[in-house]
Amino acid sequence: MRQATATLRQSVLKEAAWALQQEPVTITAQ
């Protein structure tokens, strides 16, 4: 798990930075 976390840390934080900018879009939108 330590190795897995090290492998994913950079991509996780990058995707989370994207996620923080997203507004909710549910099925009622379309």
PDB file of all heavy atoms in Angstrom:
ATOM      1  N   MET A   1       0.816  -1.209   0.000  1.00  0.00           N
ATOM      2  CA  MET A   1       0.000   0.000   0.000  1.00  0.00           C
ATOM      3  C   MET A   1       0.854   1.264   0.000  1.00  0.00           C
ATOM      4  O   MET A   1       0.487   2.268  -0.599  1.00  0.00           O
ATOM      5  CB  MET A   1      -0.945  -0.005   1.203  1.00  0.00           C
ATOM      6  CG  MET A   1      -2.104  -0.972   1.046  1.00  0.00           C
ATOM      7  SD  MET A   1      -2.888  -0.847  -0.590  1.00  0.00           S
ATOM      8  CE  MET A   1      -3.362   0.880  -0.602  1.00  0.00           C
ATOM      9  N   ARG A   2       2.002   1.201   0.646  1.00  0.00           N
ATOM     10  CA  ARG A   2       2.912   2.344   0.616  1.00  0.00           C
ATOM     11  C   ARG A   2       3.392   2.586  -0.817  1.00  0.00           C
ATOM     12  O   ARG A   2       3.447   3.733  -1.278  1.00  0.00           O
ATOM     13  CB  ARG A   2       4.097   2.080   1.546  1.00  0.00           C
ATOM     14  CG  ARG A   2       4.990   3.310   1.745  1.00  0.00           C
ATOM     15  CD  ARG A   2       6.168   2.995   2.649  1.00  0.00           C
ATOM     16  NE  ARG A   2       5.718   2.579   3.975  1.00  0.00           N
ATOM     17  CZ  ARG A   2       5.996   1.409   4.520  1.00  0.00           C
ATOM     18  NH1 ARG A   2       6.695   0.503   3.836  1.00  0.00           N
ATOM     19  NH2 ARG A   2       5.572   1.102   5.737  1.00  0.00           N
ATOM     20  N   GLN A   3       3.716   1.502  -1.509  1.00  0.00           N
ATOM     21  CA  GLN A   3       4.162   1.637  -2.898  1.00  0.00           C
ATOM     22  C   GLN A   3       3.026   2.123  -3.801  1.00  0.00           C
ATOM     23  O   GLN A   3       3.241   2.950  -4.694  1.00  0.00           O
ATOM     24  CB  GLN A   3       4.697   0.297  -3.390  1.00  0.00           C
ATOM     25  CG  GLN A   3       5.985  -0.145  -2.731  1.00  0.00           C
ATOM     26  CD  GLN A   3       6.448  -1.497  -3.246  1.00  0.00           C
ATOM     27  OE1 GLN A   3       6.722  -1.666  -4.429  1.00  0.00           O
ATOM     28  NE2 GLN A   3       6.527  -2.476  -2.352  1.00  0.00           N
ATOM     29  N   ALA A   4       1.820   1.612  -3.566  1.00  0.00           N
ATOM     30  CA  ALA A   4       0.675   2.024  -4.369  1.00  0.00           C
ATOM     31  C   ALA A   4       0.384   3.506  -4.164  1.00  0.00           C
ATOM     32  O   ALA A   4       0.100   4.239  -5.118  1.00  0.00           O
ATOM     33  CB  ALA A   4      -0.553   1.189  -4.018  1.00  0.00           C
ATOM     34  N   THR A   5       0.449   3.961  -2.928  1.00  0.00           N
ATOM     35  CA  THR A   5       0.210   5.380  -2.640  1.00  0.00           C
ATOM     36  C   THR A   5       1.261   6.246  -3.306  1.00  0.00           C
ATOM     37  O   THR A   5       0.943   7.300  -3.880  1.00  0.00           O
ATOM     38  CB  THR A   5       0.202   5.616  -1.117  1.00  0.00           C
ATOM     39  OG1 THR A   5      -0.814   4.813  -0.526  1.00  0.00           O
ATOM     40  CG2 THR A   5      -0.067   7.074  -0.798  1.00  0.00           C
ATOM     41  N   ALA A   6       2.518   5.809  -3.258  1.00  0.00           N
ATOM     42  CA  ALA A   6       3.584   6.566  -3.909  1.00  0.00           C
ATOM     43  C   ALA A   6       3.370   6.634  -5.417  1.00  0.00           C
ATOM     44  O   ALA A   6       3.600   7.673  -6.052  1.00  0.00           O
ATOM     45  CB  ALA A   6       4.943   5.931  -3.584  1.00  0.00           C
ATOM     46  N   THR A   7       2.903   5.529  -5.988  1.00  0.00           N
ATOM     47  CA  THR A   7       2.650   5.487  -7.431  1.00  0.00           C
ATOM     48  C   THR A   7       1.539   6.449  -7.832  1.00  0.00           C
ATOM     49  O   THR A   7       1.611   7.103  -8.880  1.00  0.00           O
ATOM     50  CB  THR A   7       2.267   4.052  -7.856  1.00  0.00           C
ATOM     51  OG1 THR A   7       3.350   3.172  -7.580  1.00  0.00           O
ATOM     52  CG2 THR A   7       1.927   3.990  -9.346  1.00  0.00           C
ATOM     53  N   LEU A   8       0.511   6.558  -6.991  1.00  0.00           N
ATOM     54  CA  LEU A   8      -0.694   7.300  -7.363  1.00  0.00           C
ATOM     55  C   LEU A   8      -0.747   8.730  -6.831  1.00  0.00           C
ATOM     56  O   LEU A   8      -1.600   9.510  -7.264  1.00  0.00           O
ATOM     57  CB  LEU A   8      -1.930   6.546  -6.856  1.00  0.00           C
ATOM     58  CG  LEU A   8      -2.180   5.169  -7.468  1.00  0.00           C
ATOM     59  CD1 LEU A   8      -3.347   4.482  -6.780  1.00  0.00           C
ATOM     60  CD2 LEU A   8      -2.432   5.275  -8.974  1.00  0.00           C
ATOM     61  N   ARG A   9       0.101   9.086  -5.885  1.00  0.00           N
ATOM     62  CA  ARG A   9      -0.028  10.377  -5.194  1.00  0.00           C
ATOM     63  C   ARG A   9      -0.147  11.558  -6.159  1.00  0.00           C
ATOM     64  O   ARG A   9      -1.075  12.371  -6.058  1.00  0.00           O
ATOM     65  CB  ARG A   9       1.164  10.593  -4.257  1.00  0.00           C
ATOM     66  CG  ARG A   9       1.136  11.961  -3.548  1.00  0.00           C
ATOM     67  CD  ARG A   9       2.343  12.125  -2.657  1.00  0.00           C
ATOM     68  NE  ARG A   9       2.317  11.195  -1.549  1.00  0.00           N
ATOM     69  CZ  ARG A   9       1.737  11.440  -0.381  1.00  0.00           C
ATOM     70  NH1 ARG A   9       1.109  12.598  -0.188  1.00  0.00           N
ATOM     71  NH2 ARG A   9       1.771  10.552   0.581  1.00  0.00           N
ATOM     72  N   GLN A  10       0.746  11.669  -7.087  1.00  0.00           N
ATOM     73  CA  GLN A  10       0.758  12.822  -7.983  1.00  0.00           C
ATOM     74  C   GLN A  10      -0.511  12.893  -8.826  1.00  0.00           C
ATOM     75  O   GLN A  10      -1.138  13.948  -8.957  1.00  0.00           O
ATOM     76  CB  GLN A  10       1.996  12.791  -8.883  1.00  0.00           C
ATOM     77  CG  GLN A  10       2.155  14.030  -9.759  1.00  0.00           C
ATOM     78  CD  GLN A  10       3.461  14.027 -10.549  1.00  0.00           C
ATOM     79  OE1 GLN A  10       4.308  13.136 -10.370  1.00  0.00           O
ATOM     80  NE2 GLN A  10       3.636  15.001 -11.418  1.00  0.00           N
ATOM     81  N   SER A  11      -0.920  11.762  -9.384  1.00  0.00           N
ATOM     82  CA  SER A  11      -2.112  11.765 -10.237  1.00  0.00           C
ATOM     83  C   SER A  11      -3.374  11.981  -9.416  1.00  0.00           C
ATOM     84  O   SER A  11      -4.315  12.651  -9.874  1.00  0.00           O
ATOM     85  CB  SER A  11      -2.213  10.455 -11.028  1.00  0.00           C
ATOM     86  OG  SER A  11      -2.350   9.343 -10.168  1.00  0.00           O
ATOM     87  N   VAL A  12      -3.413  11.471  -8.189  1.00  0.00           N
ATOM     88  CA  VAL A  12      -4.572  11.684  -7.317  1.00  0.00           C
ATOM     89  C   VAL A  12      -4.744  13.161  -7.006  1.00  0.00           C
ATOM     90  O   VAL A  12      -5.850  13.713  -7.119  1.00  0.00           O
ATOM     91  CB  VAL A  12      -4.421  10.867  -6.009  1.00  0.00           C
ATOM     92  CG1 VAL A  12      -5.361  11.405  -4.926  1.00  0.00           C
ATOM     93  CG2 VAL A  12      -4.713   9.400  -6.260  1.00  0.00           C
ATOM     94  N   LEU A  13      -3.671  13.823  -6.606  1.00  0.00           N
ATOM     95  CA  LEU A  13      -3.771  15.240  -6.238  1.00  0.00           C
ATOM     96  C   LEU A  13      -4.103  16.112  -7.450  1.00  0.00           C
ATOM     97  O   LEU A  13      -4.832  17.104  -7.339  1.00  0.00           O
ATOM     98  CB  LEU A  13      -2.476  15.698  -5.575  1.00  0.00           C
ATOM     99  CG  LEU A  13      -2.177  15.021  -4.224  1.00  0.00           C
ATOM    100  CD1 LEU A  13      -0.839  15.496  -3.678  1.00  0.00           C
ATOM    101  CD2 LEU A  13      -3.298  15.283  -3.227  1.00  0.00           C
ATOM    102  N   LYS A  14      -3.607  15.696  -8.621  1.00  0.00           N
ATOM    103  CA  LYS A  14      -3.926  16.440  -9.842  1.00  0.00           C
ATOM    104  C   LYS A  14      -5.407  16.287 -10.188  1.00  0.00           C
ATOM    105  O   LYS A  14      -6.083  17.274 -10.519  1.00  0.00           O
ATOM    106  CB  LYS A  14      -3.059  15.931 -11.004  1.00  0.00           C
ATOM    107  CG  LYS A  14      -3.316  16.662 -12.313  1.00  0.00           C
ATOM    108  CD  LYS A  14      -2.408  16.131 -13.421  1.00  0.00           C
ATOM    109  CE  LYS A  14      -2.678  16.851 -14.737  1.00  0.00           C
ATOM    110  NZ  LYS A  14      -1.809  16.324 -15.835  1.00  0.00           N
ATOM    111  N   GLU A  15      -5.927  15.065 -10.111  1.00  0.00           N
ATOM    112  CA  GLU A  15      -7.341  14.849 -10.415  1.00  0.00           C
ATOM    113  C   GLU A  15      -8.235  15.521  -9.375  1.00  0.00           C
ATOM    114  O   GLU A  15      -9.298  16.061  -9.705  1.00  0.00           O
ATOM    115  CB  GLU A  15      -7.658  13.358 -10.497  1.00  0.00           C
ATOM    116  CG  GLU A  15      -9.065  13.083 -11.013  1.00  0.00           C
ATOM    117  CD  GLU A  15      -9.404  11.614 -11.106  1.00  0.00           C
ATOM    118  OE1 GLU A  15      -8.759  10.787 -10.435  1.00  0.00           O
ATOM    119  OE2 GLU A  15     -10.351  11.279 -11.853  1.00  0.00           O
ATOM    120  N   ALA A  16      -7.806  15.521  -8.123  1.00  0.00           N
ATOM    121  CA  ALA A  16      -8.585  16.164  -7.068  1.00  0.00           C
ATOM    122  C   ALA A  16      -8.634  17.672  -7.269  1.00  0.00           C
ATOM    123  O   ALA A  16      -9.655  18.314  -6.983  1.00  0.00           O
ATOM    124  CB  ALA A  16      -7.996  15.825  -5.704  1.00  0.00           C
ATOM    125  N   ALA A  17      -7.540  18.251  -7.772  1.00  0.00           N
ATOM    126  CA  ALA A  17      -7.538  19.695  -8.071  1.00  0.00           C
ATOM    127  C   ALA A  17      -8.576  19.999  -9.151  1.00  0.00           C
ATOM    128  O   ALA A  17      -9.276  21.022  -9.085  1.00  0.00           O
ATOM    129  CB  ALA A  17      -6.146  20.132  -8.503  1.00  0.00           C
ATOM    130  N   TRP A  18      -8.673  19.112 -10.131  1.00  0.00           N
ATOM    131  CA  TRP A  18      -9.723  19.249 -11.151  1.00  0.00           C
ATOM    132  C   TRP A  18     -11.101  19.109 -10.522  1.00  0.00           C
ATOM    133  O   TRP A  18     -12.005  19.914 -10.785  1.00  0.00           O
ATOM    134  CB  TRP A  18      -9.532  18.177 -12.233  1.00  0.00           C
ATOM    135  CG  TRP A  18     -10.746  17.954 -13.090  1.00  0.00           C
ATOM    136  CD1 TRP A  18     -11.149  18.712 -14.155  1.00  0.00           C
ATOM    137  CD2 TRP A  18     -11.731  16.909 -12.930  1.00  0.00           C
ATOM    138  NE1 TRP A  18     -12.330  18.205 -14.673  1.00  0.00           N
ATOM    139  CE2 TRP A  18     -12.711  17.108 -13.949  1.00  0.00           C
ATOM    140  CE3 TRP A  18     -11.881  15.847 -12.056  1.00  0.00           C
ATOM    141  CZ2 TRP A  18     -13.809  16.266 -14.087  1.00  0.00           C
ATOM    142  CZ3 TRP A  18     -12.968  15.010 -12.189  1.00  0.00           C
ATOM    143  CH2 TRP A  18     -13.919  15.221 -13.195  1.00  0.00           C
ATOM    144  N   ALA A  19     -11.265  18.112  -9.670  1.00  0.00           N
ATOM    145  CA  ALA A  19     -12.565  17.842  -9.064  1.00  0.00           C
ATOM    146  C   ALA A  19     -13.056  19.023  -8.224  1.00  0.00           C
ATOM    147  O   ALA A  19     -14.261  19.295  -8.170  1.00  0.00           O
ATOM    148  CB  ALA A  19     -12.492  16.580  -8.208  1.00  0.00           C
ATOM    149  N   LEU A  20     -12.141  19.703  -7.574  1.00  0.00           N
ATOM    150  CA  LEU A  20     -12.511  20.851  -6.749  1.00  0.00           C
ATOM    151  C   LEU A  20     -13.136  21.979  -7.562  1.00  0.00           C
ATOM    152  O   LEU A  20     -13.837  22.828  -7.003  1.00  0.00           O
ATOM    153  CB  LEU A  20     -11.286  21.387  -6.000  1.00  0.00           C
ATOM    154  CG  LEU A  20     -10.795  20.559  -4.804  1.00  0.00           C
ATOM    155  CD1 LEU A  20      -9.462  21.113  -4.305  1.00  0.00           C
ATOM    156  CD2 LEU A  20     -11.826  20.561  -3.677  1.00  0.00           C
ATOM    157  N   GLN A  21     -12.890  21.969  -8.857  1.00  0.00           N
ATOM    158  CA  GLN A  21     -13.420  23.021  -9.730  1.00  0.00           C
ATOM    159  C   GLN A  21     -14.756  22.654 -10.364  1.00  0.00           C
ATOM    160  O   GLN A  21     -15.362  23.467 -11.083  1.00  0.00           O
ATOM    161  CB  GLN A  21     -12.409  23.330 -10.846  1.00  0.00           C
ATOM    162  CG  GLN A  21     -11.025  23.713 -10.346  1.00  0.00           C
ATOM    163  CD  GLN A  21     -11.051  24.919  -9.435  1.00  0.00           C
ATOM    164  OE1 GLN A  21     -11.710  25.922  -9.731  1.00  0.00           O
ATOM    165  NE2 GLN A  21     -10.333  24.843  -8.316  1.00  0.00           N
ATOM    166  N   GLN A  22     -15.243  21.444 -10.111  1.00  0.00           N
ATOM    167  CA  GLN A  22     -16.433  20.949 -10.797  1.00  0.00           C
ATOM    168  C   GLN A  22     -17.708  21.210 -10.003  1.00  0.00           C
ATOM    169  O   GLN A  22     -17.752  20.978  -8.801  1.00  0.00           O
ATOM    170  CB  GLN A  22     -16.304  19.448 -11.062  1.00  0.00           C
ATOM    171  CG  GLN A  22     -15.048  19.059 -11.823  1.00  0.00           C
ATOM    172  CD  GLN A  22     -14.885  19.827 -13.121  1.00  0.00           C
ATOM    173  OE1 GLN A  22     -15.796  19.861 -13.951  1.00  0.00           O
ATOM    174  NE2 GLN A  22     -13.732  20.457 -13.293  1.00  0.00           N
ATOM    175  N   GLU A  23     -18.717  21.680 -10.691  1.00  0.00           N
ATOM    176  CA  GLU A  23     -20.042  21.842 -10.103  1.00  0.00           C
ATOM    177  C   GLU A  23     -20.857  20.571 -10.337  1.00  0.00           C
ATOM    178  O   GLU A  23     -20.622  19.841 -11.300  1.00  0.00           O
ATOM    179  CB  GLU A  23     -20.764  23.045 -10.726  1.00  0.00           C
ATOM    180  CG  GLU A  23     -20.080  24.373 -10.456  1.00  0.00           C
ATOM    181  CD  GLU A  23     -20.042  24.716  -8.978  1.00  0.00           C
ATOM    182  OE1 GLU A  23     -21.021  24.388  -8.269  1.00  0.00           O
ATOM    183  OE2 GLU A  23     -19.031  25.288  -8.530  1.00  0.00           O
ATOM    184  N   PRO A  24     -21.839  20.301  -9.486  1.00  0.00           N
ATOM    185  CA  PRO A  24     -22.637  19.086  -9.665  1.00  0.00           C
ATOM    186  C   PRO A  24     -23.431  19.091 -10.973  1.00  0.00           C
ATOM    187  O   PRO A  24     -24.006  20.109 -11.358  1.00  0.00           O
ATOM    188  CB  PRO A  24     -23.591  19.102  -8.471  1.00  0.00           C
ATOM    189  CG  PRO A  24     -22.937  19.978  -7.458  1.00  0.00           C
ATOM    190  CD  PRO A  24     -22.198  21.013  -8.247  1.00  0.00           C
ATOM    191  N   VAL A  25     -23.439  17.957 -11.630  1.00  0.00           N
ATOM    192  CA  VAL A  25     -24.283  17.724 -12.803  1.00  0.00           C
ATOM    193  C   VAL A  25     -24.937  16.365 -12.598  1.00  0.00           C
ATOM    194  O   VAL A  25     -24.270  15.335 -12.660  1.00  0.00           O
ATOM    195  CB  VAL A  25     -23.477  17.730 -14.116  1.00  0.00           C
ATOM    196  CG1 VAL A  25     -24.396  17.401 -15.286  1.00  0.00           C
ATOM    197  CG2 VAL A  25     -22.783  19.063 -14.331  1.00  0.00           C
ATOM    198  N   THR A  26     -26.229  16.354 -12.327  1.00  0.00           N
ATOM    199  CA  THR A  26     -26.926  15.087 -12.106  1.00  0.00           C
ATOM    200  C   THR A  26     -27.753  14.735 -13.338  1.00  0.00           C
ATOM    201  O   THR A  26     -27.736  15.446 -14.352  1.00  0.00           O
ATOM    202  CB  THR A  26     -27.843  15.158 -10.867  1.00  0.00           C
ATOM    203  OG1 THR A  26     -29.022  15.907 -11.193  1.00  0.00           O
ATOM    204  CG2 THR A  26     -27.128  15.802  -9.686  1.00  0.00           C
ATOM    205  N   ILE A  27     -28.515  13.665 -13.239  1.00  0.00           N
ATOM    206  CA  ILE A  27     -29.282  13.207 -14.399  1.00  0.00           C
ATOM    207  C   ILE A  27     -30.410  14.170 -14.766  1.00  0.00           C
ATOM    208  O   ILE A  27     -30.958  14.072 -15.866  1.00  0.00           O
ATOM    209  CB  ILE A  27     -29.844  11.793 -14.174  1.00  0.00           C
ATOM    210  CG1 ILE A  27     -30.832  11.783 -13.009  1.00  0.00           C
ATOM    211  CG2 ILE A  27     -28.723  10.800 -13.951  1.00  0.00           C
ATOM    212  CD1 ILE A  27     -31.636  10.510 -12.908  1.00  0.00           C
ATOM    213  N   THR A  28     -30.757  15.102 -13.870  1.00  0.00           N
ATOM    214  CA  THR A  28     -31.833  16.049 -14.179  1.00  0.00           C
ATOM    215  C   THR A  28     -31.389  17.125 -15.159  1.00  0.00           C
ATOM    216  O   THR A  28     -32.220  17.895 -15.652  1.00  0.00           O
ATOM    217  CB  THR A  28     -32.360  16.718 -12.899  1.00  0.00           C
ATOM    218  OG1 THR A  28     -31.283  17.413 -12.245  1.00  0.00           O
ATOM    219  CG2 THR A  28     -32.942  15.680 -11.951  1.00  0.00           C
ATOM    220  N   ALA A  29     -30.084  17.175 -15.455  1.00  0.00           N
ATOM    221  CA  ALA A  29     -29.574  18.211 -16.354  1.00  0.00           C
ATOM    222  C   ALA A  29     -29.961  17.937 -17.806  1.00  0.00           C
ATOM    223  O   ALA A  29     -30.080  18.876 -18.603  1.00  0.00           O
ATOM    224  CB  ALA A  29     -28.054  18.315 -16.232  1.00  0.00           C
ATOM    225  N   GLN A  30     -30.154  16.669 -18.167  1.00  0.00           N
ATOM    226  CA  GLN A  30     -30.516  16.307 -19.537  1.00  0.00           C
ATOM    227  C   GLN A  30     -31.538  15.176 -19.518  1.00  0.00           C
ATOM    228  O   GLN A  30     -31.534  14.344 -18.600  1.00  0.00           O
ATOM    229  CB  GLN A  30     -29.289  15.864 -20.336  1.00  0.00           C
ATOM    230  CG  GLN A  30     -28.264  16.956 -20.584  1.00  0.00           C
ATOM    231  CD  GLN A  30     -27.192  16.510 -21.552  1.00  0.00           C
ATOM    232  OE1 GLN A  30     -27.481  16.103 -22.674  1.00  0.00           O
ATOM    233  NE2 GLN A  30     -25.937  16.584 -21.126  1.00  0.00           N
TER     234      GLN A  30
END
